[in-house]
Protein backbone atom coordinates (compact mmCIF):
# COMPACT_ATOMS: atom_id res chain seq x y z
CA MET A 1 -0.15 0.12 0.10
CA ALA A 2 1.43 3.43 -1.04
CA ARG A 3 2.25 5.62 2.27
CA SER A 4 0.49 8.77 2.56
CA THR A 5 2.41 12.36 1.71
CA GLY A 6 3.50 13.46 5.10
CA THR A 7 2.71 10.42 7.02
CA GLY A 8 5.04 7.87 8.29
CA ARG A 9 5.02 4.02 8.61
CA VAL A 10 3.64 1.94 12.10
CA ILE A 11 6.35 -1.05 12.07
CA LEU A 12 5.68 -4.21 14.23
CA LEU A 13 9.09 -5.41 14.97
CA GLY A 14 9.09 -8.92 15.67
CA THR A 15 11.92 -11.07 17.01
CA THR A 16 12.11 -15.08 18.30
CA HIS A 17 13.83 -15.46 21.91
CA ARG A 18 15.73 -18.44 20.40
CA VAL A 19 18.10 -15.95 18.59
CA ALA A 20 20.45 -13.79 20.74
CA PRO A 21 18.39 -10.57 21.04
CA GLY A 22 21.10 -8.35 19.57
CA LEU A 23 21.20 -10.25 16.27
CA LEU A 24 18.89 -8.46 14.19
CA SER A 25 18.32 -7.94 10.58
CA TRP A 26 19.76 -5.09 8.49
CA PRO A 27 16.14 -4.12 7.57
CA ALA A 28 15.03 -4.01 11.35
CA TRP A 29 18.24 -1.42 12.45
CA GLU A 30 17.18 0.40 9.50
CA ALA A 31 13.42 0.88 10.58
CA LEU A 32 14.58 1.40 14.48
CA ARG A 33 17.13 4.12 13.40
CA GLY A 34 14.99 5.61 10.93
CA ALA A 35 11.51 6.14 13.55
CA GLY A 36 10.95 8.97 15.18
CA ARG A 37 9.48 6.91 18.02
CA VAL A 38 10.16 3.01 19.33
CA LEU A 39 7.65 2.10 21.93
CA SER A 40 7.61 -1.20 23.89
CA ARG A 41 5.07 -2.19 26.86
CA ASP A 42 7.61 -4.52 28.08
CA ALA A 43 10.07 -2.53 30.05
CA ALA A 44 12.45 -5.97 30.26
CA HIS A 45 12.18 -6.27 26.77
CA PRO A 46 15.00 -8.58 25.70
CA LEU A 47 15.92 -5.99 23.15
CA ARG A 48 15.61 -3.32 24.90
CA PRO A 49 19.59 -2.55 26.64
CA TYR A 50 20.92 -3.60 22.76
CA LEU A 51 19.07 -1.10 21.08
CA GLU A 52 19.87 1.85 23.97
CA ALA A 53 23.39 0.89 24.37
CA ALA A 54 22.93 1.64 19.95
CA GLY A 55 21.77 5.06 20.80
CA VAL A 56 18.29 3.94 20.07
CA VAL A 57 15.73 5.09 22.74
CA VAL A 58 13.44 2.89 23.91
CA GLU A 59 9.73 4.27 25.59
CA HIS A 60 7.47 2.28 27.43
CA VAL A 61 4.35 2.43 27.10
CA GLY A 62 3.16 -0.46 29.17
CA ALA A 63 -0.01 0.86 30.66
CA LEU A 64 -1.92 0.76 27.14
CA GLY A 65 -3.46 -1.81 25.99
CA ASP A 66 -3.98 -2.94 22.69
CA ARG A 67 -6.98 -0.45 21.18
CA GLU A 68 -4.87 2.64 23.15
CA LEU A 69 -1.56 1.37 22.00
CA ALA A 70 -2.72 1.29 17.82
CA GLU A 71 -4.38 4.76 17.99
CA THR A 72 -0.98 5.81 19.59
CA LEU A 73 0.86 4.20 16.90
CA LEU A 74 -1.10 5.96 14.49
CA ASP A 75 -1.24 9.00 15.69
CA ALA A 76 2.72 9.06 16.12
CA ALA A 77 2.87 8.26 12.51
CA ASP A 78 2.35 11.83 11.72
CA ASP A 79 5.05 12.81 12.34
CA GLY A 80 7.14 9.88 10.82
CA ASP A 81 8.10 6.51 10.89
CA VAL A 82 7.40 5.01 14.55
CA VAL A 83 8.27 1.52 15.51
CA ALA A 84 6.38 -1.17 18.58
CA LEU A 85 8.63 -3.82 19.66
CA ALA A 86 5.91 -6.89 19.66
CA GLY A 87 6.44 -9.57 22.25
CA ALA A 88 7.55 -12.97 21.94
CA ASP A 89 4.42 -13.93 20.85
CA GLY A 90 4.13 -11.40 17.89
CA ASP A 91 1.68 -9.43 19.82
CA PRO A 92 -1.34 -10.66 17.42
CA ALA A 93 -3.81 -8.51 19.51
CA LEU A 94 -1.90 -5.29 18.55
CA ALA A 95 -1.98 -6.37 15.29
CA ARG A 96 -6.00 -6.98 15.12
CA ALA A 97 -6.59 -3.84 16.83
CA LEU A 98 -4.48 -1.98 14.55
CA THR A 99 -6.50 -3.15 11.74
CA GLY A 100 -9.57 -1.93 13.57
CA ALA A 101 -8.01 1.27 13.71
CA LEU A 102 -6.97 1.53 10.14
CA ALA A 103 -10.92 0.75 9.13
CA ARG A 104 -11.95 3.49 11.38
CA ARG A 105 -9.46 6.00 10.19
CA ALA A 106 -9.36 5.11 6.57
CA GLU A 107 -13.46 6.77 6.53
CA ALA A 108 -12.01 9.96 7.25
CA GLY A 109 -9.10 10.21 5.10
CA PRO A 110 -5.39 8.86 4.30
CA VAL A 111 -4.34 6.51 6.95
CA PRO A 112 -0.36 5.12 7.67
CA GLU A 113 1.28 2.25 6.24
CA VAL A 114 1.68 -0.85 8.57
CA GLU A 115 4.53 -2.90 8.22
CA VAL A 116 6.00 -6.46 9.71
CA VAL A 117 9.24 -6.50 10.08
CA PRO A 118 11.31 -9.27 10.92
CA GLY A 119 13.93 -8.53 13.26
CA SER A 120 15.68 -12.50 13.46
CA TRP A 121 14.25 -15.78 12.20
CA ASP A 122 14.65 -19.50 13.90
CA LEU A 123 16.96 -21.24 12.56
CA PRO A 124 16.28 -25.07 11.84
CA GLY A 125 16.64 -26.94 15.10
CA ALA A 126 15.70 -23.58 16.87
CA ARG A 127 12.46 -24.97 18.72
CA LEU A 128 14.99 -27.58 20.44
CA LEU A 129 16.27 -24.69 22.64
CA ASP A 130 12.98 -24.53 24.05
CA LEU A 131 13.12 -28.46 24.67
CA VAL A 132 15.97 -27.74 26.57
CA ALA A 133 14.34 -24.72 28.93
CA VAL A 134 11.12 -27.09 30.01
CA MET A 135 13.38 -29.60 30.71
CA ASP A 136 15.83 -27.38 32.92
CA ARG A 137 12.25 -25.69 34.39
CA LEU A 138 10.99 -29.21 35.37
CA ARG A 139 13.87 -30.33 36.53
CA SER A 140 15.08 -27.06 39.02
CA PRO A 141 13.95 -26.26 42.20
CA GLY A 142 9.97 -25.60 42.43
CA GLY A 143 9.74 -27.72 38.80
CA CYS A 144 8.25 -31.16 38.83
CA PRO A 145 8.64 -33.56 42.08
CA TRP A 146 8.72 -36.95 40.08
CA ASP A 147 11.44 -35.04 37.26
CA ALA A 148 13.25 -33.79 40.18
CA GLN A 149 13.91 -37.66 41.57
CA GLN A 150 14.60 -39.15 38.44
CA THR A 151 18.01 -40.43 37.54
CA HIS A 152 19.92 -42.30 34.64
CA ALA A 153 19.17 -45.66 35.91
CA SER A 154 15.54 -44.55 36.71
CA LEU A 155 15.06 -43.64 33.38
CA ALA A 156 16.56 -46.87 31.24
CA ARG A 157 13.30 -48.42 31.01
CA TYR A 158 11.24 -45.29 29.80
CA LEU A 159 13.90 -44.52 27.29
CA VAL A 160 13.84 -48.38 26.46
CA GLU A 161 9.87 -48.52 25.80
CA GLU A 162 10.15 -45.49 23.89
CA THR A 163 12.76 -46.97 21.08
CA TYR A 164 10.26 -49.86 20.92
CA GLU A 165 7.39 -47.35 20.30
CA THR A 166 9.20 -45.05 17.76
CA VAL A 167 9.68 -49.02 16.13
CA GLU A 168 6.62 -49.60 15.72
CA ALA A 169 5.54 -46.26 14.32
CA ILE A 170 7.94 -46.95 11.58
CA GLU A 171 6.64 -50.39 11.13
CA THR A 172 2.84 -49.48 11.00
CA GLY A 173 3.92 -46.78 8.23
CA ASP A 174 2.35 -43.97 10.73
CA LEU A 175 3.79 -40.72 10.03
CA GLU A 176 1.94 -38.85 12.43
CA HIS A 177 2.59 -41.27 15.03
CA LEU A 178 6.17 -41.48 13.94
CA ARG A 179 6.87 -37.75 14.30
CA GLU A 180 5.14 -37.98 18.25
CA GLU A 181 7.08 -41.26 19.39
CA LEU A 182 10.33 -39.70 18.06
CA GLY A 183 9.70 -36.27 19.92
CA ASP A 184 9.12 -38.83 23.50
CA LEU A 185 12.46 -40.15 22.56
CA LEU A 186 13.89 -36.97 21.56
CA LEU A 187 13.05 -36.17 25.46
CA GLN A 188 14.76 -38.83 27.19
CA VAL A 189 18.54 -37.77 25.61
CA VAL A 190 17.35 -34.40 27.26
CA PHE A 191 16.24 -35.30 30.11
CA HIS A 192 19.50 -37.55 30.33
CA ALA A 193 21.35 -34.77 29.32
CA ARG A 194 20.14 -32.58 32.27
CA ILE A 195 21.02 -34.76 34.59
CA GLY A 196 24.44 -35.18 33.24
CA GLU A 197 24.81 -31.38 34.32
CA GLU A 198 24.43 -32.13 37.83
CA HIS A 199 27.75 -34.92 37.58
CA THR A 200 30.24 -34.53 39.58
CA SER A 201 32.22 -34.03 35.99
CA PRO A 202 29.49 -32.57 34.33
CA TRP A 203 28.16 -32.31 31.22
CA SER A 204 25.49 -30.71 28.98
CA ILE A 205 23.12 -31.56 26.09
CA ASP A 206 25.89 -29.14 24.30
CA ASP A 207 28.55 -31.63 25.28
CA VAL A 208 26.40 -34.43 23.67
CA ALA A 209 25.52 -32.79 20.50
CA ALA A 210 28.88 -31.52 19.92
CA GLY A 211 29.80 -35.37 20.67
CA ILE A 212 28.26 -36.53 17.86
CA VAL A 213 28.85 -33.70 15.29
CA ASP A 214 32.49 -34.80 16.10
CA LYS A 215 31.90 -38.28 15.23
CA LEU A 216 29.54 -37.71 12.02
CA VAL A 217 32.61 -35.36 10.77
CA ARG A 218 35.35 -37.68 11.66
CA ARG A 219 33.58 -40.80 10.06
CA HIS A 220 32.79 -39.14 7.00
CA PRO A 221 35.98 -38.55 5.52
CA HIS A 222 34.40 -39.19 2.27
CA VAL A 223 32.04 -35.65 2.55
CA PHE A 224 34.57 -33.92 4.84
CA SER A 225 37.73 -34.90 3.71
CA ASP A 226 39.58 -36.28 0.61
CA ALA A 227 38.45 -40.04 1.36
CA HIS A 228 36.92 -42.58 -1.39
CA ALA A 229 33.82 -44.21 -0.72
CA PRO A 230 31.61 -44.15 -4.11
CA THR A 231 28.92 -46.78 -2.72
CA ALA A 232 27.02 -47.31 0.74
CA GLU A 233 29.37 -50.93 1.02
CA HIS A 234 32.66 -48.92 1.01
CA VAL A 235 30.88 -46.19 3.74
CA GLU A 236 29.53 -49.00 6.18
CA ALA A 237 33.05 -50.72 5.81
CA SER A 238 34.77 -47.86 6.63
CA TRP A 239 33.11 -46.44 9.22
CA GLU A 240 33.43 -50.22 11.27
CA GLU A 241 37.38 -49.61 10.65
CA LEU A 242 37.07 -46.19 11.82
CA LYS A 243 35.42 -47.05 14.91
CA LYS A 244 36.98 -50.14 15.94
CA ALA A 245 40.38 -47.83 15.71
CA GLU A 246 38.78 -45.46 17.60
CA LYS A 247 37.89 -47.85 20.23
CA GLY A 248 40.62 -49.82 20.42
CA ARG A 249 38.81 -53.15 19.96
CA ARG A 250 40.64 -56.34 19.10
CA PHE A 251 37.95 -58.49 18.11
CA ALA A 252 34.78 -58.04 15.52
CA VAL A 253 32.00 -58.78 18.22
CA ASP A 254 33.75 -56.16 20.93
CA GLY A 255 31.27 -52.92 21.58
CA VAL A 256 28.24 -55.39 20.40
CA PRO A 257 25.72 -54.48 23.75
CA LEU A 258 24.98 -58.20 24.82
CA ALA A 259 22.14 -56.91 26.78
CA LEU A 260 20.04 -56.33 22.96
CA PRO A 261 17.02 -58.35 22.50
CA ALA A 262 17.92 -61.86 21.61
CA LEU A 263 17.01 -62.13 18.23
CA VAL A 264 18.84 -58.57 17.64
CA LEU A 265 21.95 -59.50 19.51
CA ALA A 266 22.22 -62.60 17.44
CA ASP A 267 21.56 -60.86 14.12
CA LYS A 268 24.05 -58.61 14.98
CA LEU A 269 27.11 -60.51 16.22
CA LEU A 270 26.69 -62.99 13.39
CA SER A 271 26.49 -59.72 11.35
CA ARG A 272 29.89 -58.76 12.73
CA ALA A 273 31.81 -61.65 12.02
CA GLU A 274 30.28 -62.02 8.63
CA ARG A 275 31.93 -58.45 7.92
CA ALA A 276 35.21 -59.40 9.29
CA GLY A 277 35.43 -62.60 7.02
CA VAL A 278 35.68 -64.99 10.42
CA ALA A 279 34.12 -68.52 10.03
CA VAL A 280 32.47 -69.82 12.77
CA ALA A 281 30.06 -72.94 12.42
CA VAL A 282 26.77 -72.17 13.60
CA PRO A 283 23.83 -74.94 13.52
CA ALA A 284 22.22 -76.02 10.59
CA VAL A 285 18.89 -75.20 9.92
CA ASP A 286 17.06 -78.08 7.15
CA THR A 287 14.80 -75.50 5.31
CA ALA A 288 16.03 -72.29 4.88
CA PRO A 289 13.06 -69.93 4.42
CA ALA A 290 12.09 -68.11 1.43
CA GLU A 291 10.36 -64.90 2.39
CA GLU A 292 9.92 -62.74 6.13
CA THR A 293 6.46 -64.46 6.75
CA ASP A 294 8.12 -68.23 6.68
CA LEU A 295 10.90 -67.30 9.27
CA GLY A 296 7.92 -65.42 10.78
CA ASP A 297 5.67 -68.20 11.04
CA LEU A 298 9.29 -70.69 11.68
CA LEU A 299 10.49 -68.45 14.79
CA LEU A 300 7.15 -68.32 16.22
CA GLY A 301 6.65 -72.36 16.08
CA LEU A 302 9.91 -72.27 17.63
CA VAL A 303 8.91 -70.00 20.28
CA ALA A 304 5.92 -72.52 20.68
CA ALA A 305 7.74 -75.28 20.96
CA ALA A 306 10.09 -73.58 23.74
CA ARG A 307 6.91 -72.74 25.97
CA ARG A 308 5.60 -76.43 25.74
CA SER A 309 9.16 -77.71 26.70
CA GLY A 310 8.98 -75.12 29.23
CA LEU A 311 12.12 -73.36 28.28
CA ASP A 312 12.65 -69.67 27.80
CA PRO A 313 13.67 -68.96 24.04
CA GLU A 314 14.62 -65.17 24.73
CA ALA A 315 17.38 -66.70 27.10
CA ALA A 316 18.15 -69.44 25.29
CA LEU A 317 19.08 -67.56 22.34
CA ARG A 318 20.77 -65.27 24.46
CA GLY A 319 22.82 -68.23 25.38
CA ALA A 320 23.61 -69.69 21.93
CA ALA A 321 24.59 -65.74 21.22
CA ARG A 322 27.14 -65.04 23.80
CA ARG A 323 28.88 -68.31 23.41
CA PHE A 324 28.90 -67.82 19.30
CA ALA A 325 30.95 -64.50 20.06
CA GLU A 326 33.16 -66.38 22.35
CA ARG A 327 33.94 -68.80 19.30
CA VAL A 328 34.16 -65.43 17.33
CA ARG A 329 37.23 -64.16 19.61
CA ALA A 330 38.66 -67.77 19.82
CA ALA A 331 39.04 -67.75 16.12
CA GLU A 332 40.70 -63.92 15.85
CA SER A 333 43.08 -64.57 18.64
CA PRO A 334 46.28 -65.53 17.73
């Protein structure tokens, strides 16, 4: 909308609390430095000290309601541009009040232009800062008694449960459910990191993130350096070699968590041995299932047979997996 002759603009300056308040866009600084007046209803607005340090005077108008402030801004625009520092929510009520005031004044003549100028924008991942802040509030004095009592050990069961619920969401193909479950799983990471800040040797969510960033860069030399890995198979082999060197592992099966569910554990150990080229005998199966359905039925039948015999199939397979791991280590030993 064209600006009226002799009339300034009403500029609503929006920012995000997830970006350091002094980091404003160039259009925001231009608007602030060129404005005749800068108004704020929040005396403790996070931008205020940075603006005043830059020579921008911020007027506190906390006593004004939305309609009163809208009229004040439109009146001030008669003498040039005026900036209103929006609150953390963007002050939608003030925007509505301005719309109404403009409609009433338009009947009598020209009205000033109202413009929304973003002072800063959320970067991808910015909402993670909100999660960290909420978790800190829950864990701190005056927060949630239940959250305050939790330890790494007491939360372990929830980490397992949320992991399985996430897997189930993937298997069912429900993407909205998956989004929700990933959030629950992410909460567990942030929760453990918050508890980590209270250790004798504390570490935080930033240390957790820094560790995985460094690891990803280190284990992707074909992306961040000049290593050659043209296929996914090359990448996987390189990853395992780098991981083995970093961890100082002697055997192919080292580092496989034995607390894994028995089927997952067995598959992981067999995969490690196969990739390392370690030939270790395993019990033969007369008929190899051709499809997952057949395999599932065969496994289900074995579980039923174990129940009839009073055996624990999980414990039995876990024991077999452990014995296999020892045979792999024996085969790799000099």
